[in-house]
């Protein structure tokens, strides 16, 4: 079976992966799932106390932490759920409605 990246009008049915068969583990690291987002979190660094309460609640791991400090959002993977803004006790995260 050949490996193809996309289907064109020259690809035959024998060239494509049969449906229902899993050939590798799924991961959002390779897919920009942030394009699904309708609301966008805004990180307000001046208000952030680096408590890191926002990081473990993010279902997409879109809040990077390096050397014990959180960084800017990974908007390639953030879905805009707003959980991080809800748990932030310092108001350091605001959701911008309708912005990507």
PDB file of N, CA and C in Angstrom:
ATOM      1  N   UNK A   1       0.849  -1.168   0.000  1.00  0.00           N
ATOM      2  CA  UNK A   1       0.000   0.000   0.000  1.00  0.00           C
ATOM      3  C   UNK A   1       0.899   1.236   0.000  1.00  0.00           C
ATOM      4  N   UNK A   2       0.575   2.203  -0.811  1.00  0.00           N
ATOM      5  CA  UNK A   2       1.380   3.418  -0.904  1.00  0.00           C
ATOM      6  C   UNK A   2       0.937   4.439   0.127  1.00  0.00           C
ATOM      7  N   UNK A   3       1.824   5.359   0.442  1.00  0.00           N
ATOM      8  CA  UNK A   3       1.508   6.433   1.379  1.00  0.00           C
ATOM      9  C   UNK A   3       1.228   7.709   0.590  1.00  0.00           C
ATOM     10  N   UNK A   4       0.032   8.253   0.745  1.00  0.00           N
ATOM     11  CA  UNK A   4      -0.328   9.484   0.047  1.00  0.00           C
ATOM     12  C   UNK A   4      -0.765  10.530   1.063  1.00  0.00           C
ATOM     13  N   UNK A   5      -0.541  11.790   0.732  1.00  0.00           N
ATOM     14  CA  UNK A   5      -0.889  12.874   1.643  1.00  0.00           C
ATOM     15  C   UNK A   5      -2.307  13.385   1.414  1.00  0.00           C
ATOM     16  N   UNK A   6      -2.823  13.249   0.205  1.00  0.00           N
ATOM     17  CA  UNK A   6      -4.161  13.744  -0.087  1.00  0.00           C
ATOM     18  C   UNK A   6      -4.704  13.001  -1.298  1.00  0.00           C
ATOM     19  N   UNK A   7      -5.993  13.051  -1.450  1.00  0.00           N
ATOM     20  CA  UNK A   7      -6.646  12.337  -2.540  1.00  0.00           C
ATOM     21  C   UNK A   7      -6.843  13.282  -3.722  1.00  0.00           C
ATOM     22  N   UNK A   8      -6.480  12.797  -4.905  1.00  0.00           N
ATOM     23  CA  UNK A   8      -6.693  13.553  -6.139  1.00  0.00           C
ATOM     24  C   UNK A   8      -7.495  12.683  -7.095  1.00  0.00           C
ATOM     25  N   UNK A   9      -7.833  13.225  -8.260  1.00  0.00           N
ATOM     26  CA  UNK A   9      -8.619  12.454  -9.226  1.00  0.00           C
ATOM     27  C   UNK A   9      -7.816  11.349  -9.905  1.00  0.00           C
ATOM     28  N   UNK A  10      -6.502  11.293  -9.638  1.00  0.00           N
ATOM     29  CA  UNK A  10      -5.679  10.240 -10.234  1.00  0.00           C
ATOM     30  C   UNK A  10      -5.393   9.094  -9.260  1.00  0.00           C
ATOM     31  N   UNK A  11      -5.867   9.196  -8.036  1.00  0.00           N
ATOM     32  CA  UNK A  11      -5.650   8.159  -7.025  1.00  0.00           C
ATOM     33  C   UNK A  11      -6.734   7.093  -7.168  1.00  0.00           C
ATOM     34  N   UNK A  12      -6.294   5.852  -7.184  1.00  0.00           N
ATOM     35  CA  UNK A  12      -7.254   4.739  -7.256  1.00  0.00           C
ATOM     36  C   UNK A  12      -7.642   4.261  -5.873  1.00  0.00           C
ATOM     37  N   UNK A  13      -8.700   3.485  -5.792  1.00  0.00           N
ATOM     38  CA  UNK A  13      -9.173   3.007  -4.498  1.00  0.00           C
ATOM     39  C   UNK A  13      -8.157   2.107  -3.812  1.00  0.00           C
ATOM     40  N   UNK A  14      -7.308   1.447  -4.563  1.00  0.00           N
ATOM     41  CA  UNK A  14      -6.297   0.570  -3.966  1.00  0.00           C
ATOM     42  C   UNK A  14      -5.152   1.360  -3.319  1.00  0.00           C
ATOM     43  N   UNK A  15      -5.052   2.649  -3.636  1.00  0.00           N
ATOM     44  CA  UNK A  15      -3.967   3.481  -3.122  1.00  0.00           C
ATOM     45  C   UNK A  15      -4.277   4.138  -1.781  1.00  0.00           C
ATOM     46  N   UNK A  16      -5.526   4.123  -1.375  1.00  0.00           N
ATOM     47  CA  UNK A  16      -5.880   4.828  -0.145  1.00  0.00           C
ATOM     48  C   UNK A  16      -5.994   3.869   1.037  1.00  0.00           C
ATOM     49  N   UNK A  17      -5.897   4.415   2.236  1.00  0.00           N
ATOM     50  CA  UNK A  17      -6.014   3.637   3.462  1.00  0.00           C
ATOM     51  C   UNK A  17      -7.455   3.182   3.641  1.00  0.00           C
ATOM     52  N   UNK A  18      -7.670   1.902   3.905  1.00  0.00           N
ATOM     53  CA  UNK A  18      -9.034   1.433   4.147  1.00  0.00           C
ATOM     54  C   UNK A  18      -9.625   2.108   5.380  1.00  0.00           C
ATOM     55  N   UNK A  19     -10.911   2.410   5.338  1.00  0.00           N
ATOM     56  CA  UNK A  19     -11.584   3.044   6.475  1.00  0.00           C
ATOM     57  C   UNK A  19     -11.622   2.137   7.683  1.00  0.00           C
ATOM     58  N   UNK A  20     -11.586   2.736   8.860  1.00  0.00           N
ATOM     59  CA  UNK A  20     -11.698   1.978  10.098  1.00  0.00           C
ATOM     60  C   UNK A  20     -10.409   1.338  10.568  1.00  0.00           C
ATOM     61  N   UNK A  21      -9.319   1.529   9.860  1.00  0.00           N
ATOM     62  CA  UNK A  21      -8.045   0.964  10.283  1.00  0.00           C
ATOM     63  C   UNK A  21      -7.147   2.081  10.791  1.00  0.00           C
ATOM     64  N   UNK A  22      -6.575   1.892  11.971  1.00  0.00           N
ATOM     65  CA  UNK A  22      -5.726   2.904  12.587  1.00  0.00           C
ATOM     66  C   UNK A  22      -4.276   2.501  12.380  1.00  0.00           C
ATOM     67  N   UNK A  23      -3.496   3.385  11.773  1.00  0.00           N
ATOM     68  CA  UNK A  23      -2.106   3.085  11.457  1.00  0.00           C
ATOM     69  C   UNK A  23      -1.110   3.782  12.371  1.00  0.00           C
ATOM     70  N   UNK A  24      -1.558   4.796  13.105  1.00  0.00           N
ATOM     71  CA  UNK A  24      -0.682   5.466  14.060  1.00  0.00           C
ATOM     72  C   UNK A  24      -1.549   6.194  15.079  1.00  0.00           C
ATOM     73  N   UNK A  25      -0.940   6.539  16.203  1.00  0.00           N
ATOM     74  CA  UNK A  25      -1.671   7.241  17.250  1.00  0.00           C
ATOM     75  C   UNK A  25      -2.071   8.637  16.813  1.00  0.00           C
ATOM     76  N   UNK A  26      -3.226   9.069  17.258  1.00  0.00           N
ATOM     77  CA  UNK A  26      -3.688  10.411  16.934  1.00  0.00           C
ATOM     78  C   UNK A  26      -3.059  11.447  17.858  1.00  0.00           C
ATOM     79  N   UNK A  27      -2.801  12.625  17.335  1.00  0.00           N
ATOM     80  CA  UNK A  27      -2.256  13.708  18.129  1.00  0.00           C
ATOM     81  C   UNK A  27      -2.649  15.038  17.512  1.00  0.00           C
ATOM     82  N   UNK A  28      -2.939  16.009  18.361  1.00  0.00           N
ATOM     83  CA  UNK A  28      -3.256  17.333  17.828  1.00  0.00           C
ATOM     84  C   UNK A  28      -1.994  18.145  17.579  1.00  0.00           C
ATOM     85  N   UNK A  29      -0.838  17.614  17.949  1.00  0.00           N
ATOM     86  CA  UNK A  29       0.411  18.349  17.728  1.00  0.00           C
ATOM     87  C   UNK A  29       0.640  18.616  16.242  1.00  0.00           C
ATOM     88  N   UNK A  30       0.173  17.722  15.401  1.00  0.00           N
ATOM     89  CA  UNK A  30       0.389  17.873  13.966  1.00  0.00           C
ATOM     90  C   UNK A  30      -0.734  18.640  13.270  1.00  0.00           C
ATOM     91  N   UNK A  31      -1.803  18.968  14.027  1.00  0.00           N
ATOM     92  CA  UNK A  31      -2.964  19.615  13.413  1.00  0.00           C
ATOM     93  C   UNK A  31      -3.258  20.912  14.149  1.00  0.00           C
ATOM     94  N   UNK A  32      -3.486  21.980  13.412  1.00  0.00           N
ATOM     95  CA  UNK A  32      -3.797  23.278  14.017  1.00  0.00           C
ATOM     96  C   UNK A  32      -5.261  23.298  14.461  1.00  0.00           C
ATOM     97  N   UNK A  33      -5.516  22.690  15.599  1.00  0.00           N
ATOM     98  CA  UNK A  33      -6.882  22.604  16.095  1.00  0.00           C
ATOM     99  C   UNK A  33      -7.403  23.941  16.611  1.00  0.00           C
ATOM    100  N   UNK A  34      -6.530  24.925  16.770  1.00  0.00           N
ATOM    101  CA  UNK A  34      -6.946  26.243  17.211  1.00  0.00           C
ATOM    102  C   UNK A  34      -7.798  26.969  16.189  1.00  0.00           C
ATOM    103  N   UNK A  35      -7.784  26.497  14.946  1.00  0.00           N
ATOM    104  CA  UNK A  35      -8.625  27.101  13.914  1.00  0.00           C
ATOM    105  C   UNK A  35     -10.109  26.887  14.197  1.00  0.00           C
ATOM    106  N   UNK A  36     -10.448  25.976  15.099  1.00  0.00           N
ATOM    107  CA  UNK A  36     -11.836  25.712  15.454  1.00  0.00           C
ATOM    108  C   UNK A  36     -12.362  26.758  16.430  1.00  0.00           C
ATOM    109  N   UNK A  37     -11.447  27.513  17.040  1.00  0.00           N
ATOM    110  CA  UNK A  37     -11.775  28.434  18.127  1.00  0.00           C
ATOM    111  C   UNK A  37     -12.696  29.565  17.659  1.00  0.00           C
ATOM    112  N   UNK A  38     -13.655  29.934  18.508  1.00  0.00           N
ATOM    113  CA  UNK A  38     -14.489  31.102  18.233  1.00  0.00           C
ATOM    114  C   UNK A  38     -14.150  32.255  19.173  1.00  0.00           C
ATOM    115  N   UNK A  39     -13.685  31.952  20.395  1.00  0.00           N
ATOM    116  CA  UNK A  39     -13.241  32.972  21.344  1.00  0.00           C
ATOM    117  C   UNK A  39     -11.761  32.758  21.625  1.00  0.00           C
ATOM    118  N   UNK A  40     -11.047  33.843  21.921  1.00  0.00           N
ATOM    119  CA  UNK A  40      -9.604  33.763  22.105  1.00  0.00           C
ATOM    120  C   UNK A  40      -9.199  34.296  23.474  1.00  0.00           C
ATOM    121  N   UNK A  41      -8.364  33.530  24.200  1.00  0.00           N
ATOM    122  CA  UNK A  41      -7.887  34.031  25.483  1.00  0.00           C
ATOM    123  C   UNK A  41      -6.787  35.070  25.280  1.00  0.00           C
ATOM    124  N   UNK A  42      -6.811  36.099  26.102  1.00  0.00           N
ATOM    125  CA  UNK A  42      -5.752  37.108  26.074  1.00  0.00           C
ATOM    126  C   UNK A  42      -5.026  37.045  27.411  1.00  0.00           C
ATOM    127  N   UNK A  43      -3.716  36.849  27.363  1.00  0.00           N
ATOM    128  CA  UNK A  43      -2.881  36.770  28.554  1.00  0.00           C
ATOM    129  C   UNK A  43      -2.428  38.176  28.924  1.00  0.00           C
ATOM    130  N   UNK A  44      -2.747  38.606  30.140  1.00  0.00           N
ATOM    131  CA  UNK A  44      -2.363  39.931  30.625  1.00  0.00           C
ATOM    132  C   UNK A  44      -1.231  39.733  31.626  1.00  0.00           C
ATOM    133  N   UNK A  45      -0.010  39.818  31.136  1.00  0.00           N
ATOM    134  CA  UNK A  45       1.178  39.489  31.923  1.00  0.00           C
ATOM    135  C   UNK A  45       1.316  40.340  33.179  1.00  0.00           C
ATOM    136  N   UNK A  46       0.902  41.595  33.138  1.00  0.00           N
ATOM    137  CA  UNK A  46       1.026  42.486  34.304  1.00  0.00           C
ATOM    138  C   UNK A  46       0.183  42.015  35.488  1.00  0.00           C
ATOM    139  N   UNK A  47      -0.905  41.316  35.223  1.00  0.00           N
ATOM    140  CA  UNK A  47      -1.777  40.829  36.290  1.00  0.00           C
ATOM    141  C   UNK A  47      -1.402  39.426  36.767  1.00  0.00           C
ATOM    142  N   UNK A  48      -0.634  38.710  35.977  1.00  0.00           N
ATOM    143  CA  UNK A  48      -0.304  37.313  36.276  1.00  0.00           C
ATOM    144  C   UNK A  48       0.675  37.216  37.445  1.00  0.00           C
ATOM    145  N   UNK A  49       0.352  36.358  38.413  1.00  0.00           N
ATOM    146  CA  UNK A  49       1.204  36.120  39.591  1.00  0.00           C
ATOM    147  C   UNK A  49       1.954  34.787  39.468  1.00  0.00           C
ATOM    148  N   UNK A  50       1.883  34.161  38.299  1.00  0.00           N
ATOM    149  CA  UNK A  50       2.565  32.894  38.030  1.00  0.00           C
ATOM    150  C   UNK A  50       2.161  31.791  39.010  1.00  0.00           C
ATOM    151  N   UNK A  51       0.885  31.762  39.387  1.00  0.00           N
ATOM    152  CA  UNK A  51       0.392  30.695  40.270  1.00  0.00           C
ATOM    153  C   UNK A  51       0.234  29.381  39.505  1.00  0.00           C
ATOM    154  N   UNK A  52       0.130  29.473  38.195  1.00  0.00           N
ATOM    155  CA  UNK A  52       0.023  28.315  37.299  1.00  0.00           C
ATOM    156  C   UNK A  52      -1.258  27.508  37.491  1.00  0.00           C
ATOM    157  N   UNK A  53      -2.272  28.096  38.099  1.00  0.00           N
ATOM    158  CA  UNK A  53      -3.545  27.387  38.239  1.00  0.00           C
ATOM    159  C   UNK A  53      -4.207  27.140  36.887  1.00  0.00           C
ATOM    160  N   UNK A  54      -3.889  27.954  35.897  1.00  0.00           N
ATOM    161  CA  UNK A  54      -4.506  27.819  34.576  1.00  0.00           C
ATOM    162  C   UNK A  54      -3.956  26.630  33.778  1.00  0.00           C
ATOM    163  N   UNK A  55      -2.724  26.281  34.006  1.00  0.00           N
ATOM    164  CA  UNK A  55      -2.095  25.263  33.160  1.00  0.00           C
ATOM    165  C   UNK A  55      -2.675  23.857  33.290  1.00  0.00           C
ATOM    166  N   UNK A  56      -2.928  23.342  34.497  1.00  0.00           N
ATOM    167  CA  UNK A  56      -3.440  21.963  34.555  1.00  0.00           C
ATOM    168  C   UNK A  56      -4.894  21.811  34.105  1.00  0.00           C
ATOM    169  N   UNK A  57      -5.653  22.908  34.052  1.00  0.00           N
ATOM    170  CA  UNK A  57      -7.051  22.796  33.655  1.00  0.00           C
ATOM    171  C   UNK A  57      -7.255  22.930  32.151  1.00  0.00           C
ATOM    172  N   UNK A  58      -6.231  23.331  31.434  1.00  0.00           N
ATOM    173  CA  UNK A  58      -6.346  23.493  29.981  1.00  0.00           C
ATOM    174  C   UNK A  58      -6.444  22.114  29.324  1.00  0.00           C
ATOM    175  N   UNK A  59      -7.570  21.808  28.682  1.00  0.00           N
ATOM    176  CA  UNK A  59      -7.735  20.489  28.077  1.00  0.00           C
ATOM    177  C   UNK A  59      -6.876  20.285  26.834  1.00  0.00           C
ATOM    178  N   UNK A  60      -6.279  21.362  26.326  1.00  0.00           N
ATOM    179  CA  UNK A  60      -5.477  21.258  25.107  1.00  0.00           C
ATOM    180  C   UNK A  60      -3.989  21.468  25.342  1.00  0.00           C
ATOM    181  N   UNK A  61      -3.583  21.617  26.600  1.00  0.00           N
ATOM    182  CA  UNK A  61      -2.178  21.891  26.933  1.00  0.00           C
ATOM    183  C   UNK A  61      -1.654  23.074  26.120  1.00  0.00           C
ATOM    184  N   UNK A  62      -2.482  24.105  26.005  1.00  0.00           N
ATOM    185  CA  UNK A  62      -2.148  25.263  25.184  1.00  0.00           C
ATOM    186  C   UNK A  62      -1.521  26.402  25.984  1.00  0.00           C
ATOM    187  N   UNK A  63      -1.151  26.123  27.235  1.00  0.00           N
ATOM    188  CA  UNK A  63      -0.486  27.134  28.058  1.00  0.00           C
ATOM    189  C   UNK A  63       0.902  26.591  28.398  1.00  0.00           C
ATOM    190  N   UNK A  64       1.908  27.027  27.670  1.00  0.00           N
ATOM    191  CA  UNK A  64       3.254  26.492  27.900  1.00  0.00           C
ATOM    192  C   UNK A  64       3.863  27.020  29.199  1.00  0.00           C
ATOM    193  N   UNK A  65       4.648  26.175  29.843  1.00  0.00           N
ATOM    194  CA  UNK A  65       5.370  26.551  31.056  1.00  0.00           C
ATOM    195  C   UNK A  65       6.839  26.230  30.824  1.00  0.00           C
ATOM    196  N   UNK A  66       7.682  27.226  31.102  1.00  0.00           N
ATOM    197  CA  UNK A  66       9.128  27.023  30.960  1.00  0.00           C
ATOM    198  C   UNK A  66       9.807  27.669  32.154  1.00  0.00           C
ATOM    199  N   UNK A  67      10.681  26.938  32.796  1.00  0.00           N
ATOM    200  CA  UNK A  67      11.399  27.415  33.977  1.00  0.00           C
ATOM    201  C   UNK A  67      10.439  27.900  35.065  1.00  0.00           C
ATOM    202  N   UNK A  68       9.318  27.208  35.242  1.00  0.00           N
ATOM    203  CA  UNK A  68       8.369  27.518  36.285  1.00  0.00           C
ATOM    204  C   UNK A  68       7.484  28.723  36.025  1.00  0.00           C
ATOM    205  N   UNK A  69       7.502  29.256  34.801  1.00  0.00           N
ATOM    206  CA  UNK A  69       6.670  30.404  34.463  1.00  0.00           C
ATOM    207  C   UNK A  69       5.865  30.107  33.212  1.00  0.00           C
ATOM    208  N   UNK A  70       4.623  30.550  33.227  1.00  0.00           N
ATOM    209  CA  UNK A  70       3.770  30.341  32.060  1.00  0.00           C
ATOM    210  C   UNK A  70       4.122  31.340  30.977  1.00  0.00           C
ATOM    211  N   UNK A  71       3.893  30.934  29.733  1.00  0.00           N
ATOM    212  CA  UNK A  71       4.150  31.811  28.596  1.00  0.00           C
ATOM    213  C   UNK A  71       2.857  32.202  27.912  1.00  0.00           C
ATOM    214  N   UNK A  72       2.987  32.748  26.723  1.00  0.00           N
ATOM    215  CA  UNK A  72       1.823  33.125  25.921  1.00  0.00           C
ATOM    216  C   UNK A  72       1.086  31.863  25.489  1.00  0.00           C
ATOM    217  N   UNK A  73      -0.177  32.008  25.152  1.00  0.00           N
ATOM    218  CA  UNK A  73      -0.989  30.874  24.726  1.00  0.00           C
ATOM    219  C   UNK A  73      -0.480  30.293  23.412  1.00  0.00           C
ATOM    220  N   UNK A  74      -0.593  28.992  23.281  1.00  0.00           N
ATOM    221  CA  UNK A  74      -0.342  28.301  22.023  1.00  0.00           C
ATOM    222  C   UNK A  74      -1.660  28.331  21.257  1.00  0.00           C
ATOM    223  N   UNK A  75      -1.853  29.378  20.468  1.00  0.00           N
ATOM    224  CA  UNK A  75      -3.127  29.569  19.779  1.00  0.00           C
ATOM    225  C   UNK A  75      -3.314  28.613  18.607  1.00  0.00           C
ATOM    226  N   UNK A  76      -2.270  27.890  18.231  1.00  0.00           N
ATOM    227  CA  UNK A  76      -2.422  26.861  17.203  1.00  0.00           C
ATOM    228  C   UNK A  76      -3.264  25.699  17.722  1.00  0.00           C
ATOM    229  N   UNK A  77      -3.323  25.543  19.053  1.00  0.00           N
ATOM    230  CA  UNK A  77      -4.036  24.407  19.625  1.00  0.00           C
ATOM    231  C   UNK A  77      -5.153  24.790  20.593  1.00  0.00           C
ATOM    232  N   UNK A  78      -5.199  26.025  21.045  1.00  0.00           N
ATOM    233  CA  UNK A  78      -6.243  26.479  21.977  1.00  0.00           C
ATOM    234  C   UNK A  78      -7.602  26.468  21.285  1.00  0.00           C
ATOM    235  N   UNK A  79      -8.608  25.878  21.966  1.00  0.00           N
ATOM    236  CA  UNK A  79      -9.961  25.812  21.407  1.00  0.00           C
ATOM    237  C   UNK A  79     -10.846  26.948  21.894  1.00  0.00           C
ATOM    238  N   UNK A  80     -10.334  27.785  22.823  1.00  0.00           N
ATOM    239  CA  UNK A  80     -11.104  28.921  23.299  1.00  0.00           C
ATOM    240  C   UNK A  80     -12.211  28.565  24.275  1.00  0.00           C
ATOM    241  N   UNK A  81     -12.037  27.507  25.052  1.00  0.00           N
ATOM    242  CA  UNK A  81     -13.085  27.064  25.972  1.00  0.00           C
ATOM    243  C   UNK A  81     -13.289  28.029  27.137  1.00  0.00           C
ATOM    244  N   UNK A  82     -12.234  28.747  27.536  1.00  0.00           N
ATOM    245  CA  UNK A  82     -12.351  29.736  28.597  1.00  0.00           C
ATOM    246  C   UNK A  82     -12.181  29.208  30.006  1.00  0.00           C
ATOM    247  N   UNK A  83     -11.851  27.932  30.158  1.00  0.00           N
ATOM    248  CA  UNK A  83     -11.663  27.374  31.495  1.00  0.00           C
ATOM    249  C   UNK A  83     -10.533  28.102  32.212  1.00  0.00           C
ATOM    250  N   UNK A  84      -9.468  28.421  31.508  1.00  0.00           N
ATOM    251  CA  UNK A  84      -8.321  29.107  32.108  1.00  0.00           C
ATOM    252  C   UNK A  84      -8.734  30.463  32.686  1.00  0.00           C
ATOM    253  N   UNK A  85      -9.568  31.190  31.978  1.00  0.00           N
ATOM    254  CA  UNK A  85     -10.034  32.504  32.445  1.00  0.00           C
ATOM    255  C   UNK A  85     -10.903  32.361  33.694  1.00  0.00           C
ATOM    256  N   UNK A  86     -11.682  31.290  33.753  1.00  0.00           N
ATOM    257  CA  UNK A  86     -12.551  31.064  34.912  1.00  0.00           C
ATOM    258  C   UNK A  86     -11.757  30.761  36.182  1.00  0.00           C
ATOM    259  N   UNK A  87     -10.635  30.033  36.048  1.00  0.00           N
ATOM    260  CA  UNK A  87      -9.875  29.646  37.241  1.00  0.00           C
ATOM    261  C   UNK A  87      -8.839  30.682  37.662  1.00  0.00           C
ATOM    262  N   UNK A  88      -8.529  31.640  36.823  1.00  0.00           N
ATOM    263  CA  UNK A  88      -7.506  32.634  37.163  1.00  0.00           C
ATOM    264  C   UNK A  88      -8.030  33.589  38.239  1.00  0.00           C
ATOM    265  N   UNK A  89      -7.430  33.553  39.439  1.00  0.00           N
ATOM    266  CA  UNK A  89      -7.918  34.403  40.523  1.00  0.00           C
ATOM    267  C   UNK A  89      -7.473  35.864  40.410  1.00  0.00           C
ATOM    268  N   UNK A  90      -6.612  36.161  39.444  1.00  0.00           N
ATOM    269  CA  UNK A  90      -6.049  37.507  39.329  1.00  0.00           C
ATOM    270  C   UNK A  90      -6.543  38.276  38.105  1.00  0.00           C
ATOM    271  N   UNK A  91      -7.425  37.679  37.330  1.00  0.00           N
ATOM    272  CA  UNK A  91      -7.941  38.348  36.131  1.00  0.00           C
ATOM    273  C   UNK A  91      -6.894  38.547  35.052  1.00  0.00           C
ATOM    274  N   UNK A  92      -5.921  37.636  35.012  1.00  0.00           N
ATOM    275  CA  UNK A  92      -4.827  37.757  34.046  1.00  0.00           C
ATOM    276  C   UNK A  92      -5.161  37.139  32.689  1.00  0.00           C
ATOM    277  N   UNK A  93      -6.355  36.572  32.574  1.00  0.00           N
ATOM    278  CA  UNK A  93      -6.794  35.992  31.311  1.00  0.00           C
ATOM    279  C   UNK A  93      -8.194  36.508  31.017  1.00  0.00           C
ATOM    280  N   UNK A  94      -8.346  37.119  29.862  1.00  0.00           N
ATOM    281  CA  UNK A  94      -9.650  37.605  29.426  1.00  0.00           C
ATOM    282  C   UNK A  94      -9.977  36.951  28.095  1.00  0.00           C
ATOM    283  N   UNK A  95     -11.224  36.558  27.949  1.00  0.00           N
ATOM    284  CA  UNK A  95     -11.662  35.951  26.699  1.00  0.00           C
ATOM    285  C   UNK A  95     -12.180  37.048  25.767  1.00  0.00           C
ATOM    286  N   UNK A  96     -11.676  37.042  24.543  1.00  0.00           N
ATOM    287  CA  UNK A  96     -12.115  37.984  23.527  1.00  0.00           C
ATOM    288  C   UNK A  96     -13.113  37.275  22.635  1.00  0.00           C
ATOM    289  N   UNK A  97     -14.355  37.687  22.702  1.00  0.00           N
ATOM    290  CA  UNK A  97     -15.435  37.026  21.990  1.00  0.00           C
ATOM    291  C   UNK A  97     -15.320  37.239  20.482  1.00  0.00           C
ATOM    292  N   UNK A  98     -15.410  36.123  19.758  1.00  0.00           N
ATOM    293  CA  UNK A  98     -15.428  36.173  18.304  1.00  0.00           C
ATOM    294  C   UNK A  98     -14.109  36.486  17.636  1.00  0.00           C
ATOM    295  N   UNK A  99     -13.024  36.546  18.393  1.00  0.00           N
ATOM    296  CA  UNK A  99     -11.712  36.829  17.790  1.00  0.00           C
ATOM    297  C   UNK A  99     -10.925  35.543  17.665  1.00  0.00           C
ATOM    298  N   UNK A 100     -10.237  35.411  16.551  1.00  0.00           N
ATOM    299  CA  UNK A 100      -9.355  34.257  16.351  1.00  0.00           C
ATOM    300  C   UNK A 100      -7.955  34.748  16.513  1.00  0.00           C
TER     301      UNK A 100
END
